[in-house]
Amino acid sequence: MACTWITSEEVREALGRPTETGETAWGGYVLEVATQAANDFAFDQRAAEGITDDAVVCPSARVRLGTVMYAVRVFQQSASAGDVAVGFDGTSPLPSMGAIRANLGLRRFRVNGTAISTYE
């Protein structure tokens, strides 16, 4: 069963585009794929940490925020050239992976297989 914690409408709102007006078919497609990729990423990463979640009901507002932040990051990277992210207002930075992982309740990145610390 696919994880459905967030919707493309939530991601569109976070991107500052509350309606589909003027959205290209490609932009709409990328938004849908970025949303599902974020759902999958969040669910899979939490499962890898030993956290058991329902694939339909998001466990908390914090986890929902982290999932939306990851979807925004994926969407913005898809519209970018190289390492520079493009926001709709021309200035939006990418959400950091540290902030995303913290909101998802995950440990910090590992160094040589050992977790640096937790966000608890």
C-alpha atoms as a PDB file:
ATOM      1  CA  MET A   1       0.000   0.000   0.000  1.00  0.00           C
ATOM      2  CA  ALA A   2       1.347   3.425  -0.956  1.00  0.00           C
ATOM      3  CA  CYS A   3       1.804   6.053   1.733  1.00  0.00           C
ATOM      4  CA  THR A   4      -0.637   8.972   1.400  1.00  0.00           C
ATOM      5  CA  TRP A   5       0.312  11.278   4.266  1.00  0.00           C
ATOM      6  CA  ILE A   6       0.360  14.470   2.197  1.00  0.00           C
ATOM      7  CA  THR A   7      -1.383  15.677  -0.962  1.00  0.00           C
ATOM      8  CA  SER A   8      -0.170  17.700  -3.913  1.00  0.00           C
ATOM      9  CA  GLU A   9      -2.514  20.501  -2.777  1.00  0.00           C
ATOM     10  CA  GLU A  10      -0.547  20.807   0.488  1.00  0.00           C
ATOM     11  CA  VAL A  11       2.722  20.928  -1.439  1.00  0.00           C
ATOM     12  CA  ARG A  12       1.318  23.486  -3.903  1.00  0.00           C
ATOM     13  CA  GLU A  13       0.297  25.676  -0.954  1.00  0.00           C
ATOM     14  CA  ALA A  14       3.760  25.344   0.637  1.00  0.00           C
ATOM     15  CA  LEU A  15       5.312  26.391  -2.676  1.00  0.00           C
ATOM     16  CA  GLY A  16       3.163  29.527  -2.686  1.00  0.00           C
ATOM     17  CA  ARG A  17       0.959  28.363  -5.554  1.00  0.00           C
ATOM     18  CA  PRO A  18      -2.474  27.807  -4.000  1.00  0.00           C
ATOM     19  CA  THR A  19      -4.202  27.138  -7.338  1.00  0.00           C
ATOM     20  CA  GLU A  20      -3.448  25.243 -10.527  1.00  0.00           C
ATOM     21  CA  THR A  21      -3.999  28.382 -12.648  1.00  0.00           C
ATOM     22  CA  GLY A  22      -1.263  28.711 -15.206  1.00  0.00           C
ATOM     23  CA  GLU A  23       0.410  25.464 -14.216  1.00  0.00           C
ATOM     24  CA  THR A  24       1.886  23.527 -17.117  1.00  0.00           C
ATOM     25  CA  ALA A  25       1.117  19.854 -17.626  1.00  0.00           C
ATOM     26  CA  TRP A  26       4.776  19.100 -16.841  1.00  0.00           C
ATOM     27  CA  GLY A  27       4.669  21.164 -13.644  1.00  0.00           C
ATOM     28  CA  GLY A  28       1.524  19.373 -12.512  1.00  0.00           C
ATOM     29  CA  TYR A  29       3.077  15.998 -13.249  1.00  0.00           C
ATOM     30  CA  VAL A  30       6.285  16.841 -11.366  1.00  0.00           C
ATOM     31  CA  LEU A  31       4.233  18.118  -8.424  1.00  0.00           C
ATOM     32  CA  GLU A  32       2.319  14.815  -8.239  1.00  0.00           C
ATOM     33  CA  VAL A  33       5.500  12.732  -8.518  1.00  0.00           C
ATOM     34  CA  ALA A  34       7.350  14.884  -5.957  1.00  0.00           C
ATOM     35  CA  THR A  35       4.437  14.466  -3.550  1.00  0.00           C
ATOM     36  CA  GLN A  36       4.401  10.685  -3.866  1.00  0.00           C
ATOM     37  CA  ALA A  37       8.204  10.531  -3.675  1.00  0.00           C
ATOM     38  CA  ALA A  38       8.080  12.514  -0.422  1.00  0.00           C
ATOM     39  CA  ASN A  39       5.404  10.223   1.005  1.00  0.00           C
ATOM     40  CA  ASP A  40       7.502   7.180   0.103  1.00  0.00           C
ATOM     41  CA  PHE A  41      10.731   8.732   1.412  1.00  0.00           C
ATOM     42  CA  ALA A  42       9.225   9.720   4.765  1.00  0.00           C
ATOM     43  CA  PHE A  43       7.504   6.369   5.308  1.00  0.00           C
ATOM     44  CA  ASP A  44      10.549   4.332   4.221  1.00  0.00           C
ATOM     45  CA  GLN A  45      13.041   6.369   6.267  1.00  0.00           C
ATOM     46  CA  ARG A  46      10.914   6.067   9.406  1.00  0.00           C
ATOM     47  CA  ALA A  47      10.532   2.313   8.805  1.00  0.00           C
ATOM     48  CA  ALA A  48      14.314   2.003   8.421  1.00  0.00           C
ATOM     49  CA  GLU A  49      14.660   3.632  11.860  1.00  0.00           C
ATOM     50  CA  GLY A  50      12.334   0.957  13.292  1.00  0.00           C
ATOM     51  CA  ILE A  51       9.276   3.215  13.520  1.00  0.00           C
ATOM     52  CA  THR A  52       5.987   1.541  12.607  1.00  0.00           C
ATOM     53  CA  ASP A  53       3.443   3.874  10.998  1.00  0.00           C
ATOM     54  CA  ASP A  54       0.077   3.632   9.292  1.00  0.00           C
ATOM     55  CA  ALA A  55       0.507   4.351   5.565  1.00  0.00           C
ATOM     56  CA  VAL A  56      -2.716   6.372   5.415  1.00  0.00           C
ATOM     57  CA  VAL A  57      -2.842   8.297   8.699  1.00  0.00           C
ATOM     58  CA  CYS A  58       0.104  10.641   9.239  1.00  0.00           C
ATOM     59  CA  PRO A  59       1.465  10.128  12.773  1.00  0.00           C
ATOM     60  CA  SER A  60       1.836  13.833  13.659  1.00  0.00           C
ATOM     61  CA  ALA A  61       1.824  17.399  12.402  1.00  0.00           C
ATOM     62  CA  ARG A  62       5.615  17.416  12.692  1.00  0.00           C
ATOM     63  CA  VAL A  63       5.934  14.383  10.411  1.00  0.00           C
ATOM     64  CA  ARG A  64       3.455  15.975   7.973  1.00  0.00           C
ATOM     65  CA  LEU A  65       5.590  19.127   7.895  1.00  0.00           C
ATOM     66  CA  GLY A  66       8.780  17.145   7.253  1.00  0.00           C
ATOM     67  CA  THR A  67       7.084  15.268   4.417  1.00  0.00           C
ATOM     68  CA  VAL A  68       5.824  18.492   2.819  1.00  0.00           C
ATOM     69  CA  MET A  69       9.286  20.049   3.198  1.00  0.00           C
ATOM     70  CA  TYR A  70      10.851  17.093   1.393  1.00  0.00           C
ATOM     71  CA  ALA A  71       8.278  17.335  -1.423  1.00  0.00           C
ATOM     72  CA  VAL A  72       9.074  21.048  -1.817  1.00  0.00           C
ATOM     73  CA  ARG A  73      12.775  20.193  -1.991  1.00  0.00           C
ATOM     74  CA  VAL A  74      12.212  17.517  -4.666  1.00  0.00           C
ATOM     75  CA  PHE A  75       9.935  19.798  -6.708  1.00  0.00           C
ATOM     76  CA  GLN A  76      12.320  22.761  -6.559  1.00  0.00           C
ATOM     77  CA  GLN A  77      15.297  20.601  -7.510  1.00  0.00           C
ATOM     78  CA  SER A  78      13.423  19.305 -10.552  1.00  0.00           C
ATOM     79  CA  ALA A  79      13.023  22.875 -11.821  1.00  0.00           C
ATOM     80  CA  SER A  80      16.648  23.779 -11.194  1.00  0.00           C
ATOM     81  CA  ALA A  81      19.808  23.809 -13.230  1.00  0.00           C
ATOM     82  CA  GLY A  82      22.775  22.328 -11.437  1.00  0.00           C
ATOM     83  CA  ASP A  83      23.044  22.984  -7.710  1.00  0.00           C
ATOM     84  CA  VAL A  84      20.944  26.152  -7.629  1.00  0.00           C
ATOM     85  CA  ALA A  85      17.313  25.712  -6.592  1.00  0.00           C
ATOM     86  CA  VAL A  86      14.631  27.812  -8.203  1.00  0.00           C
ATOM     87  CA  GLY A  87      11.756  29.067  -6.062  1.00  0.00           C
ATOM     88  CA  PHE A  88       8.593  30.620  -7.461  1.00  0.00           C
ATOM     89  CA  ASP A  89       9.538  33.985  -5.996  1.00  0.00           C
ATOM     90  CA  GLY A  90      13.110  33.653  -7.241  1.00  0.00           C
ATOM     91  CA  THR A  91      14.562  33.612  -3.721  1.00  0.00           C
ATOM     92  CA  SER A  92      13.243  30.486  -1.990  1.00  0.00           C
ATOM     93  CA  PRO A  93      16.009  28.267  -0.638  1.00  0.00           C
ATOM     94  CA  LEU A  94      15.658  24.507  -0.421  1.00  0.00           C
ATOM     95  CA  PRO A  95      14.533  23.157   2.955  1.00  0.00           C
ATOM     96  CA  SER A  96      17.564  21.569   4.637  1.00  0.00           C
ATOM     97  CA  MET A  97      17.790  17.800   4.974  1.00  0.00           C
ATOM     98  CA  GLY A  98      18.649  18.286   8.658  1.00  0.00           C
ATOM     99  CA  ALA A  99      15.370  20.106   9.261  1.00  0.00           C
ATOM    100  CA  ILE A 100      13.456  17.546   7.206  1.00  0.00           C
ATOM    101  CA  ARG A 101      14.972  14.613   9.125  1.00  0.00           C
ATOM    102  CA  ALA A 102      14.329  16.352  12.459  1.00  0.00           C
ATOM    103  CA  ASN A 103      10.660  16.843  11.608  1.00  0.00           C
ATOM    104  CA  LEU A 104      10.388  13.230  10.502  1.00  0.00           C
ATOM    105  CA  GLY A 105      11.762  12.149  13.881  1.00  0.00           C
ATOM    106  CA  LEU A 106      14.864  10.557  12.340  1.00  0.00           C
ATOM    107  CA  ARG A 107      18.400  10.407  13.674  1.00  0.00           C
ATOM    108  CA  ARG A 108      20.974  12.727  12.180  1.00  0.00           C
ATOM    109  CA  PHE A 109      23.040  11.499   9.291  1.00  0.00           C
ATOM    110  CA  ARG A 110      25.493   8.733  10.078  1.00  0.00           C
ATOM    111  CA  VAL A 111      29.263   8.997  10.023  1.00  0.00           C
ATOM    112  CA  ASN A 112      31.048   5.671   9.525  1.00  0.00           C
ATOM    113  CA  GLY A 113      27.828   3.827  10.375  1.00  0.00           C
ATOM    114  CA  THR A 114      27.318   5.583  13.734  1.00  0.00           C
ATOM    115  CA  ALA A 115      24.533   8.083  14.320  1.00  0.00           C
ATOM    116  CA  ILE A 116      25.929  11.491  15.265  1.00  0.00           C
ATOM    117  CA  SER A 117      23.027  12.173  17.641  1.00  0.00           C
ATOM    118  CA  THR A 118      19.265  12.177  17.775  1.00  0.00           C
ATOM    119  CA  TYR A 119      16.805  15.080  17.659  1.00  0.00           C
ATOM    120  CA  GLU A 120      15.001  13.941  20.805  1.00  0.00           C
END
